[in-house]
Amino acid sequence: MKRNRMMLKRKKRRGTMILVALFCMILPIIAIYIGLRITELWVSPALNSDYNFVVDEGNRGNNSENTHNTNNTNKEKGDEEKPIAEDKAPKESGSQGQEEDSRLIEKEVKPLSIYTIQIASLSDNKRVEGLIQELNERKLSNLIYKEDSSFKVYVVGGTKRSQVEQELQYIRSFYPDAYINEVHPSIQVIEYPEGDDVEVYSKIVEDINKIIELMELQGEEWYNFYEKEGELGTYIELLKKQQEVLVELDENLRGIDLPQSFPVKEAVMEKMIAYQNNNINRSIEIISAGHVDNLHQIHSLYLDSLFRVVELIK
């Protein structure tokens, strides 16, 4: 009898341990997964990232102006067309010789760097949502960037470090651990063969470069406005010029297959045309309506477009 009672007690203990493991380990894991999925679907804007950030470690908690920069130095090149030098080795007869006769044209995509102030890296969707609400109440432009299983929270940003540095101390008055984050995609060289579509390929690269130039000008114009030295009318003109280039780019992409060295066509259509058009229309709507309390949203939309361009040309 005593032995049977001991066996029953052991079985009860095992059952209790299984229940404890279920409630203390498995259910919380399921809850976290569901929460992350909800955040991924509903937090906006949230972008996907598959490249590494270059972080200015010197600005974590101090005012150092030294930059921890691991990217390649930008080459001092123009973006003019230039054929690759021909192979000096003797050519073989037949099809291989014909392939060597074909020449490739190179054209460089303009380098584009982003400087932003990062204030947090979160995995809890409730904290992300609360922080977004807090930033909007403070009228701070913001962008949520999804990287792996965490959400990087950025405020303020542009293509010039000096402009972002001006805002760092102000942001630290709210978020003391804020620091400047740098993104430096490597220089991209597009190659395409001479032939019937050479003019279209060339025009597509030119359009991408024009968009990058216009976004740099928009960043400067925004900071001029922010420092009370410019008007948003000029900013609207730059947005409309960008839309014209986007229309032209869309027309050039229709009915043509891009060489392998180009960005993926579908990505250009989505990230550089669809998203930017939506962001431009929304920005013009906010400015035209005179919603002074929503002006920070214009810069948030600019940051969204800027990050999508870098995703495309990285």
Protein backbone atom coordinates (compact mmCIF):
# COMPACT_ATOMS: atom_id res chain seq x y z
CA MET A 1 0.00 0.00 0.00
CA LYS A 2 2.75 2.39 0.96
CA ARG A 3 4.52 1.71 -2.33
CA ASN A 4 1.33 2.37 -4.32
CA ARG A 5 0.85 5.70 -2.57
CA MET A 6 4.40 6.72 -3.43
CA MET A 7 3.81 5.82 -7.10
CA LEU A 8 0.62 7.95 -7.14
CA LYS A 9 2.45 10.89 -5.59
CA ARG A 10 5.18 10.66 -8.24
CA LYS A 11 2.60 10.63 -11.03
CA LYS A 12 0.89 13.69 -9.55
CA ARG A 13 4.20 15.51 -9.34
CA ARG A 14 4.96 14.74 -12.98
CA GLY A 15 1.53 16.00 -14.02
CA THR A 16 2.01 19.17 -11.99
CA MET A 17 5.44 19.79 -13.55
CA ILE A 18 4.01 19.36 -17.06
CA LEU A 19 1.25 21.90 -16.31
CA VAL A 20 3.77 24.35 -14.88
CA ALA A 21 5.95 24.00 -18.00
CA LEU A 22 2.90 24.54 -20.21
CA PHE A 23 1.75 27.72 -18.51
CA CYS A 24 5.17 29.20 -17.66
CA MET A 25 7.03 28.48 -20.89
CA ILE A 26 4.95 27.42 -23.87
CA LEU A 27 2.02 29.85 -23.51
CA PRO A 28 4.21 32.98 -23.05
CA ILE A 29 6.21 32.01 -26.14
CA ILE A 30 2.99 31.70 -28.16
CA ALA A 31 1.78 35.05 -26.81
CA ILE A 32 5.05 36.79 -27.77
CA TYR A 33 4.91 35.32 -31.27
CA ILE A 34 1.31 36.47 -31.76
CA GLY A 35 2.20 39.93 -30.48
CA LEU A 36 5.10 40.26 -32.89
CA ARG A 37 2.93 39.19 -35.81
CA ILE A 38 0.30 41.77 -34.89
CA THR A 39 2.97 44.47 -34.66
CA GLU A 40 4.42 43.50 -38.02
CA LEU A 41 1.02 43.82 -39.64
CA TRP A 42 -0.23 46.99 -37.95
CA VAL A 43 2.70 49.21 -36.94
CA SER A 44 3.26 51.78 -39.68
CA PRO A 45 5.53 52.70 -41.24
CA ALA A 46 7.64 49.57 -40.68
CA LEU A 47 10.17 48.51 -43.28
CA ASN A 48 12.11 45.30 -43.74
CA SER A 49 15.90 45.43 -43.55
CA ASP A 50 18.46 42.92 -44.73
CA TYR A 51 21.62 44.98 -44.58
CA ASN A 52 23.78 46.15 -41.69
CA PHE A 53 23.69 49.66 -40.32
CA VAL A 54 26.85 51.67 -39.80
CA VAL A 55 26.44 53.13 -36.32
CA ASP A 56 28.18 56.20 -34.94
CA GLU A 57 29.29 54.69 -31.64
CA GLY A 58 31.02 57.92 -30.72
CA ASN A 59 27.70 59.65 -30.26
CA ARG A 60 26.26 57.21 -27.74
CA GLY A 61 25.75 59.33 -24.64
CA ASN A 62 28.26 62.07 -25.53
CA ASN A 63 28.89 64.85 -28.03
CA SER A 64 31.87 63.36 -29.80
CA GLU A 65 32.03 64.21 -33.49
CA ASN A 66 34.13 61.21 -34.41
CA THR A 67 32.37 58.80 -36.70
CA HIS A 68 32.78 55.03 -36.61
CA ASN A 69 32.51 54.48 -40.37
CA THR A 70 33.13 51.09 -41.99
CA ASN A 71 31.77 51.83 -45.46
CA ASN A 72 33.79 52.16 -48.63
CA THR A 73 34.90 55.66 -49.57
CA ASN A 74 32.76 57.19 -52.30
CA LYS A 75 34.53 57.25 -55.62
CA GLU A 76 34.97 60.59 -57.35
CA LYS A 77 33.32 59.52 -60.59
CA GLY A 78 30.79 61.07 -62.88
CA ASP A 79 27.83 59.06 -64.04
CA GLU A 80 28.64 59.38 -67.72
CA GLU A 81 28.42 56.31 -69.91
CA LYS A 82 31.69 54.53 -70.52
CA PRO A 83 32.32 51.22 -72.30
CA ILE A 84 34.43 48.56 -70.62
CA ALA A 85 37.87 48.15 -72.18
CA GLU A 86 38.03 45.39 -74.76
CA ASP A 87 39.93 42.20 -74.01
CA LYS A 88 43.38 42.34 -75.61
CA ALA A 89 43.72 38.54 -75.78
CA PRO A 90 43.24 36.85 -79.18
CA LYS A 91 39.61 36.04 -79.88
CA GLU A 92 38.48 32.54 -80.61
CA SER A 93 36.37 31.79 -83.66
CA GLY A 94 32.70 30.86 -83.47
CA SER A 95 30.07 31.86 -80.91
CA GLN A 96 32.58 32.54 -78.15
CA GLY A 97 34.30 35.12 -80.32
CA GLN A 98 30.96 36.79 -81.02
CA GLU A 99 30.27 37.06 -77.28
CA GLU A 100 33.63 38.74 -76.74
CA ASP A 101 32.77 41.24 -79.50
CA SER A 102 29.72 42.45 -77.52
CA ARG A 103 30.46 45.43 -75.28
CA LEU A 104 28.92 46.43 -71.96
CA ILE A 105 28.16 49.97 -70.91
CA GLU A 106 28.69 51.00 -67.30
CA LYS A 107 26.75 53.66 -65.47
CA GLU A 108 27.00 54.48 -61.79
CA VAL A 109 24.06 55.02 -59.44
CA LYS A 110 24.64 58.09 -57.29
CA PRO A 111 25.82 57.30 -53.74
CA LEU A 112 23.25 58.07 -51.07
CA SER A 113 23.85 58.03 -47.31
CA ILE A 114 21.29 58.41 -44.54
CA TYR A 115 21.88 59.93 -41.11
CA THR A 116 19.18 59.42 -38.51
CA ILE A 117 18.81 59.70 -34.75
CA GLN A 118 17.97 56.35 -33.17
CA ILE A 119 16.21 56.49 -29.83
CA ALA A 120 15.23 52.86 -29.21
CA SER A 121 15.32 49.24 -30.33
CA LEU A 122 12.24 47.35 -29.16
CA SER A 123 10.67 43.93 -29.55
CA ASP A 124 7.54 44.54 -27.47
CA ASN A 125 4.75 45.71 -29.79
CA LYS A 126 2.91 47.52 -26.99
CA ARG A 127 6.00 49.61 -26.23
CA VAL A 128 6.43 50.37 -29.95
CA GLU A 129 2.84 51.56 -30.28
CA GLY A 130 3.13 53.64 -27.10
CA LEU A 131 6.36 55.24 -28.31
CA ILE A 132 4.84 56.14 -31.69
CA GLN A 133 1.96 57.87 -29.92
CA GLU A 134 4.42 59.70 -27.66
CA LEU A 135 6.52 60.90 -30.61
CA ASN A 136 3.45 62.15 -32.48
CA GLU A 137 2.28 64.04 -29.40
CA ARG A 138 5.69 65.73 -29.27
CA LYS A 139 5.43 66.54 -33.00
CA LEU A 140 8.62 64.59 -33.78
CA SER A 141 9.04 62.96 -37.19
CA ASN A 142 9.61 59.25 -36.80
CA LEU A 143 10.21 55.99 -38.62
CA ILE A 144 9.98 52.42 -37.36
CA TYR A 145 12.41 50.12 -39.16
CA LYS A 146 12.05 46.35 -38.72
CA GLU A 147 15.36 44.52 -38.50
CA ASP A 148 15.29 40.81 -37.60
CA SER A 149 12.94 40.53 -34.59
CA SER A 150 13.36 44.08 -33.31
CA PHE A 151 12.02 47.48 -34.29
CA LYS A 152 14.49 50.35 -34.61
CA VAL A 153 12.88 53.68 -33.75
CA TYR A 154 14.28 56.74 -35.53
CA VAL A 155 13.46 60.42 -35.24
CA VAL A 156 14.77 63.15 -37.53
CA GLY A 157 16.98 62.25 -40.46
CA GLY A 158 18.42 63.28 -43.77
CA THR A 159 21.35 62.97 -46.17
CA LYS A 160 23.64 65.43 -44.36
CA ARG A 161 25.12 64.62 -40.98
CA SER A 162 25.57 68.28 -40.00
CA GLN A 163 21.82 68.89 -40.21
CA VAL A 164 21.00 65.88 -38.06
CA GLU A 165 23.65 66.79 -35.48
CA GLN A 166 21.86 70.11 -34.88
CA GLU A 167 18.88 68.20 -33.50
CA LEU A 168 20.74 65.64 -31.39
CA GLN A 169 20.84 67.62 -28.13
CA TYR A 170 17.16 68.52 -28.40
CA ILE A 171 16.21 64.87 -28.93
CA ARG A 172 18.41 63.86 -25.98
CA SER A 173 16.38 66.16 -23.73
CA PHE A 174 13.59 63.57 -24.17
CA TYR A 175 15.64 60.44 -24.90
CA PRO A 176 19.12 60.66 -23.25
CA ASP A 177 20.48 57.54 -25.00
CA ALA A 178 19.76 58.85 -28.52
CA TYR A 179 22.63 58.64 -31.00
CA ILE A 180 23.28 59.21 -34.69
CA ASN A 181 22.93 56.16 -36.90
CA GLU A 182 24.52 56.11 -40.36
CA VAL A 183 23.59 54.00 -43.39
CA HIS A 184 26.09 53.88 -46.26
CA PRO A 185 25.15 51.54 -49.12
CA SER A 186 28.05 50.52 -51.33
CA ILE A 187 28.42 52.21 -54.71
CA GLN A 188 26.37 50.45 -57.39
CA VAL A 189 27.54 50.17 -61.00
CA ILE A 190 24.91 49.19 -63.56
CA GLU A 191 26.02 47.25 -66.64
CA TYR A 192 23.99 46.76 -69.78
CA PRO A 193 24.79 45.64 -73.34
CA GLU A 194 24.79 47.79 -76.42
CA GLY A 195 21.70 47.13 -78.53
CA ASP A 196 18.17 48.24 -79.28
CA ASP A 197 17.28 48.91 -75.61
CA VAL A 198 20.45 50.79 -74.69
CA GLU A 199 18.70 54.19 -74.60
CA VAL A 200 15.94 52.89 -72.33
CA TYR A 201 18.44 51.29 -69.93
CA SER A 202 20.40 54.53 -69.84
CA LYS A 203 17.26 56.54 -69.17
CA ILE A 204 16.20 54.27 -66.30
CA VAL A 205 19.53 54.82 -64.52
CA GLU A 206 19.28 58.58 -65.16
CA ASP A 207 15.79 58.63 -63.65
CA ILE A 208 16.97 56.80 -60.52
CA ASN A 209 19.79 59.31 -60.15
CA LYS A 210 17.39 62.23 -60.61
CA ILE A 211 15.18 60.87 -57.83
CA ILE A 212 18.19 60.60 -55.52
CA GLU A 213 19.19 64.20 -56.34
CA LEU A 214 15.65 65.47 -55.71
CA MET A 215 15.47 63.68 -52.37
CA GLU A 216 18.75 65.30 -51.31
CA LEU A 217 17.34 68.71 -52.28
CA GLN A 218 14.12 67.96 -50.36
CA GLY A 219 16.16 67.21 -47.25
CA GLU A 220 17.97 70.55 -47.53
CA GLU A 221 14.73 72.43 -48.18
CA TRP A 222 13.03 70.84 -45.20
CA TYR A 223 15.83 71.95 -42.87
CA ASN A 224 15.73 75.44 -44.38
CA PHE A 225 12.04 75.56 -43.57
CA TYR A 226 12.65 74.10 -40.11
CA GLU A 227 15.23 76.80 -39.39
CA LYS A 228 12.78 79.49 -40.61
CA GLU A 229 14.90 80.18 -43.69
CA GLY A 230 12.69 78.67 -46.40
CA GLU A 231 9.13 78.10 -47.53
CA LEU A 232 7.25 74.85 -48.08
CA GLY A 233 6.22 76.07 -51.53
CA THR A 234 9.69 75.15 -52.80
CA TYR A 235 9.38 71.78 -51.09
CA ILE A 236 6.11 71.12 -52.96
CA GLU A 237 7.79 72.03 -56.27
CA LEU A 238 10.50 69.44 -55.59
CA LEU A 239 7.86 66.83 -54.76
CA LYS A 240 6.04 67.50 -58.04
CA LYS A 241 9.29 67.27 -60.02
CA GLN A 242 9.91 63.94 -58.34
CA GLN A 243 6.46 62.73 -59.41
CA GLU A 244 7.23 63.68 -63.02
CA VAL A 245 10.40 61.58 -62.91
CA LEU A 246 8.48 58.69 -61.31
CA VAL A 247 5.95 58.78 -64.17
CA GLU A 248 8.78 58.71 -66.72
CA LEU A 249 10.50 55.87 -64.88
CA ASP A 250 7.27 53.88 -64.80
CA GLU A 251 6.81 54.33 -68.56
CA ASN A 252 10.38 53.22 -69.29
CA LEU A 253 9.98 50.08 -67.18
CA ARG A 254 6.82 48.93 -68.92
CA GLY A 255 7.35 46.05 -71.33
CA ILE A 256 11.12 45.72 -70.85
CA ASP A 257 13.29 43.15 -69.08
CA LEU A 258 16.13 44.60 -67.03
CA PRO A 259 19.67 43.16 -67.13
CA GLN A 260 20.82 41.33 -64.00
CA SER A 261 22.93 44.23 -62.71
CA PHE A 262 19.84 46.45 -62.36
CA PRO A 263 17.68 46.50 -59.23
CA VAL A 264 14.82 43.99 -59.46
CA LYS A 265 12.10 45.51 -61.65
CA GLU A 266 9.27 44.66 -59.24
CA ALA A 267 11.18 46.31 -56.41
CA VAL A 268 11.63 49.51 -58.44
CA MET A 269 7.91 49.54 -59.28
CA GLU A 270 6.96 49.09 -55.62
CA LYS A 271 9.58 50.87 -53.50
CA MET A 272 10.59 53.68 -55.82
CA ILE A 273 7.33 54.36 -57.67
CA ALA A 274 4.25 53.20 -55.74
CA TYR A 275 5.39 54.06 -52.21
CA GLN A 276 6.98 57.37 -53.19
CA ASN A 277 3.90 58.45 -55.13
CA ASN A 278 1.72 57.71 -52.11
CA ASN A 279 4.07 59.58 -49.78
CA ILE A 280 4.25 62.59 -52.13
CA ASN A 281 0.45 62.79 -52.49
CA ARG A 282 0.00 62.59 -48.73
CA SER A 283 2.65 65.28 -48.12
CA ILE A 284 1.08 67.69 -50.62
CA GLU A 285 -2.33 67.03 -49.04
CA ILE A 286 -1.04 67.91 -45.54
CA ILE A 287 0.72 71.07 -46.76
CA SER A 288 -2.21 72.24 -48.91
CA ALA A 289 -4.68 71.72 -46.06
CA GLY A 290 -2.55 73.90 -43.77
CA HIS A 291 -2.48 71.34 -40.96
CA VAL A 292 0.29 72.98 -38.93
CA ASP A 293 0.02 70.35 -36.19
CA ASN A 294 0.76 67.60 -38.72
CA LEU A 295 3.87 69.08 -40.36
CA HIS A 296 6.10 66.53 -38.60
CA GLN A 297 4.28 63.85 -40.61
CA ILE A 298 5.69 65.34 -43.83
CA HIS A 299 9.20 64.60 -42.65
CA SER A 300 8.15 61.12 -41.51
CA LEU A 301 6.93 60.45 -45.06
CA TYR A 302 10.23 61.78 -46.42
CA LEU A 303 12.17 59.39 -44.17
CA ASP A 304 10.01 56.49 -45.36
CA SER A 305 10.78 57.29 -49.03
CA LEU A 306 14.46 57.80 -48.26
CA PHE A 307 14.86 54.41 -46.59
CA ARG A 308 13.05 52.64 -49.42
CA VAL A 309 15.44 54.15 -51.98
CA VAL A 310 18.43 52.92 -49.96
CA GLU A 311 16.84 49.46 -49.74
CA LEU A 312 16.63 49.48 -53.52
CA ILE A 313 20.19 50.59 -54.32
CA LYS A 314 22.04 48.83 -51.48
